[in-house]
Amino acid sequence: MKEYIELHPILQFTHAKKVRFMFEEEELEGYENEPIAAALHAAGVRVLSYSEKHKRPRGFFCAVGKCSSCLMEVDGRQNVMVCMEPLRAGMKVRRQKGRHQSK
C-alpha cells in the first residue's frame, strides 16, 4: 500500500525521479533524495529496527535525527539514521537489532 500525500491546500509537492532500492530481500521504489525512512513508510514498512535491551520493534518516530528508532544498516554501514539519509538508486537497506558499537 502506497501512502503519499498528493494534494495539500497550502503546500505543493514535487517528486524527484523514482529509484529502486533493496530492503532486506525485497526490491522497493522511492523518490531519489527523499529520506530512506519516508520511502520505507510509503512502501508499508513500519518496523525499522529493534530495541537493544527488550528487542521491541521501533518505527518512524521523530524524523529529525534526535532519537535512535530509525537506526538501520545501509550499504554495509551500521547505525545510519534513515530519517535523515537520502535515498539513492541501488541502496541496500537492512534492519539491525539495537545500536552497534563503532569499530
C-alpha atoms as a PDB file:
ATOM      1  CA  MET A   1       0.000   0.000   0.000  1.00  0.00           C
ATOM      2  CA  LYS A   2       1.492   3.340  -1.047  1.00  0.00           C
ATOM      3  CA  GLU A   3       0.818   6.310   1.206  1.00  0.00           C
ATOM      4  CA  TYR A   4       1.844   9.540  -0.479  1.00  0.00           C
ATOM      5  CA  ILE A   5       0.368  12.974   0.075  1.00  0.00           C
ATOM      6  CA  GLU A   6      -0.651  14.123  -3.385  1.00  0.00           C
ATOM      7  CA  LEU A   7      -2.859  17.150  -2.698  1.00  0.00           C
ATOM      8  CA  HIS A   8      -2.494  19.703   0.079  1.00  0.00           C
ATOM      9  CA  PRO A   9      -4.355  23.012   0.447  1.00  0.00           C
ATOM     10  CA  ILE A  10      -1.163  25.036   1.043  1.00  0.00           C
ATOM     11  CA  LEU A  11       1.931  23.002   0.171  1.00  0.00           C
ATOM     12  CA  GLN A  12       2.970  21.793  -3.250  1.00  0.00           C
ATOM     13  CA  PHE A  13       4.901  18.571  -3.565  1.00  0.00           C
ATOM     14  CA  THR A  14       7.314  17.830  -6.354  1.00  0.00           C
ATOM     15  CA  HIS A  15       8.942  14.440  -6.528  1.00  0.00           C
ATOM     16  CA  ALA A  16      12.314  13.585  -7.980  1.00  0.00           C
ATOM     17  CA  LYS A  17      12.692  10.573 -10.212  1.00  0.00           C
ATOM     18  CA  LYS A  18      11.726   7.166  -8.864  1.00  0.00           C
ATOM     19  CA  VAL A  19      14.582   4.861  -7.958  1.00  0.00           C
ATOM     20  CA  ARG A  20      14.770   1.228  -6.916  1.00  0.00           C
ATOM     21  CA  PHE A  21      16.487   0.017  -3.770  1.00  0.00           C
ATOM     22  CA  MET A  22      16.680  -3.192  -1.770  1.00  0.00           C
ATOM     23  CA  PHE A  23      15.113  -3.595   1.656  1.00  0.00           C
ATOM     24  CA  GLU A  24      16.086  -6.896   3.236  1.00  0.00           C
ATOM     25  CA  GLU A  25      15.489  -9.221   0.226  1.00  0.00           C
ATOM     26  CA  GLU A  26      12.754  -7.153  -1.440  1.00  0.00           C
ATOM     27  CA  GLU A  27      13.113  -4.565  -4.192  1.00  0.00           C
ATOM     28  CA  LEU A  28      11.209  -1.356  -3.425  1.00  0.00           C
ATOM     29  CA  GLU A  29      10.834   2.058  -5.048  1.00  0.00           C
ATOM     30  CA  GLY A  30      11.083   5.536  -3.655  1.00  0.00           C
ATOM     31  CA  TYR A  31      11.889   9.035  -4.776  1.00  0.00           C
ATOM     32  CA  GLU A  32      15.548   9.955  -5.134  1.00  0.00           C
ATOM     33  CA  ASN A  33      16.863  12.068  -2.227  1.00  0.00           C
ATOM     34  CA  GLU A  34      13.796  11.611  -0.016  1.00  0.00           C
ATOM     35  CA  PRO A  35      14.685  10.184   3.406  1.00  0.00           C
ATOM     36  CA  ILE A  36      15.016   6.397   3.297  1.00  0.00           C
ATOM     37  CA  ALA A  37      12.524   6.174   6.184  1.00  0.00           C
ATOM     38  CA  ALA A  38       9.901   8.033   4.118  1.00  0.00           C
ATOM     39  CA  ALA A  39      10.341   5.616   1.209  1.00  0.00           C
ATOM     40  CA  LEU A  40      10.047   2.639   3.562  1.00  0.00           C
ATOM     41  CA  HIS A  41       6.967   4.091   5.248  1.00  0.00           C
ATOM     42  CA  ALA A  42       5.307   4.720   1.869  1.00  0.00           C
ATOM     43  CA  ALA A  43       6.015   1.085   0.949  1.00  0.00           C
ATOM     44  CA  GLY A  44       4.265  -0.133   4.115  1.00  0.00           C
ATOM     45  CA  VAL A  45       7.368  -0.869   6.201  1.00  0.00           C
ATOM     46  CA  ARG A  46       6.569   0.178   9.770  1.00  0.00           C
ATOM     47  CA  VAL A  47       9.315  -1.604  11.762  1.00  0.00           C
ATOM     48  CA  LEU A  48      12.725  -0.047  11.153  1.00  0.00           C
ATOM     49  CA  SER A  49      14.753  -1.610  13.966  1.00  0.00           C
ATOM     50  CA  TYR A  50      14.511  -3.404  17.297  1.00  0.00           C
ATOM     51  CA  SER A  51      15.465  -2.090  20.724  1.00  0.00           C
ATOM     52  CA  GLU A  52      18.683  -3.453  22.136  1.00  0.00           C
ATOM     53  CA  LYS A  53      17.512  -4.338  25.622  1.00  0.00           C
ATOM     54  CA  HIS A  54      13.956  -5.644  25.134  1.00  0.00           C
ATOM     55  CA  LYS A  55      14.089  -6.467  21.394  1.00  0.00           C
ATOM     56  CA  ARG A  56      10.900  -4.452  20.792  1.00  0.00           C
ATOM     57  CA  PRO A  57      10.115  -3.081  17.330  1.00  0.00           C
ATOM     58  CA  ARG A  58      10.970   0.558  16.614  1.00  0.00           C
ATOM     59  CA  GLY A  59       9.286   2.665  13.951  1.00  0.00           C
ATOM     60  CA  PHE A  60       9.475   6.064  12.294  1.00  0.00           C
ATOM     61  CA  PHE A  61       9.383   8.357  15.369  1.00  0.00           C
ATOM     62  CA  CYS A  62      10.994  11.807  15.492  1.00  0.00           C
ATOM     63  CA  ALA A  63      12.050  12.197  11.831  1.00  0.00           C
ATOM     64  CA  VAL A  64      14.698  14.795  12.752  1.00  0.00           C
ATOM     65  CA  GLY A  65      17.671  12.655  13.841  1.00  0.00           C
ATOM     66  CA  LYS A  66      17.222  13.078  17.607  1.00  0.00           C
ATOM     67  CA  CYS A  67      16.238   9.530  18.579  1.00  0.00           C
ATOM     68  CA  SER A  68      17.650   6.129  17.682  1.00  0.00           C
ATOM     69  CA  SER A  69      14.431   4.492  16.485  1.00  0.00           C
ATOM     70  CA  CYS A  70      15.433   4.532  12.829  1.00  0.00           C
ATOM     71  CA  LEU A  71      18.962   3.126  13.042  1.00  0.00           C
ATOM     72  CA  MET A  72      19.492   0.749  10.136  1.00  0.00           C
ATOM     73  CA  GLU A  73      22.281  -0.765   8.092  1.00  0.00           C
ATOM     74  CA  VAL A  74      22.679   0.997   4.730  1.00  0.00           C
ATOM     75  CA  ASP A  75      25.127  -0.325   2.152  1.00  0.00           C
ATOM     76  CA  GLY A  76      27.007  -2.144   4.923  1.00  0.00           C
ATOM     77  CA  ARG A  77      27.235   0.920   7.225  1.00  0.00           C
ATOM     78  CA  GLN A  78      25.609   0.387  10.608  1.00  0.00           C
ATOM     79  CA  ASN A  79      23.767   2.943  12.766  1.00  0.00           C
ATOM     80  CA  VAL A  80      22.550   5.050   9.847  1.00  0.00           C
ATOM     81  CA  MET A  81      19.653   7.338  10.808  1.00  0.00           C
ATOM     82  CA  VAL A  82      17.390   6.645   7.857  1.00  0.00           C
ATOM     83  CA  CYS A  83      15.098   9.559   8.747  1.00  0.00           C
ATOM     84  CA  MET A  84      17.967  11.809   7.607  1.00  0.00           C
ATOM     85  CA  GLU A  85      19.758   9.699   4.984  1.00  0.00           C
ATOM     86  CA  PRO A  86      18.768  10.484   1.368  1.00  0.00           C
ATOM     87  CA  LEU A  87      17.647   7.619  -0.846  1.00  0.00           C
ATOM     88  CA  ARG A  88      19.792   6.738  -3.846  1.00  0.00           C
ATOM     89  CA  ALA A  89      19.315   4.122  -6.544  1.00  0.00           C
ATOM     90  CA  GLY A  90      20.634   0.667  -5.697  1.00  0.00           C
ATOM     91  CA  MET A  91      20.951   1.141  -1.935  1.00  0.00           C
ATOM     92  CA  LYS A  92      20.836  -1.964   0.241  1.00  0.00           C
ATOM     93  CA  VAL A  93      18.928  -1.316   3.469  1.00  0.00           C
ATOM     94  CA  ARG A  94      18.589  -3.800   6.351  1.00  0.00           C
ATOM     95  CA  ARG A  95      17.150  -3.740   9.850  1.00  0.00           C
ATOM     96  CA  GLN A  96      19.526  -4.011  12.762  1.00  0.00           C
ATOM     97  CA  LYS A  97      18.946  -5.037  16.356  1.00  0.00           C
ATOM     98  CA  GLY A  98      19.977  -2.306  18.783  1.00  0.00           C
ATOM     99  CA  ARG A  99      22.830   0.158  18.376  1.00  0.00           C
ATOM    100  CA  HIS A 100      26.069  -1.355  17.130  1.00  0.00           C
ATOM    101  CA  GLN A 101      29.359  -0.248  18.595  1.00  0.00           C
ATOM    102  CA  SER A 102      31.852   1.589  16.407  1.00  0.00           C
ATOM    103  CA  LYS A 103      34.792  -0.471  15.243  1.00  0.00           C
END
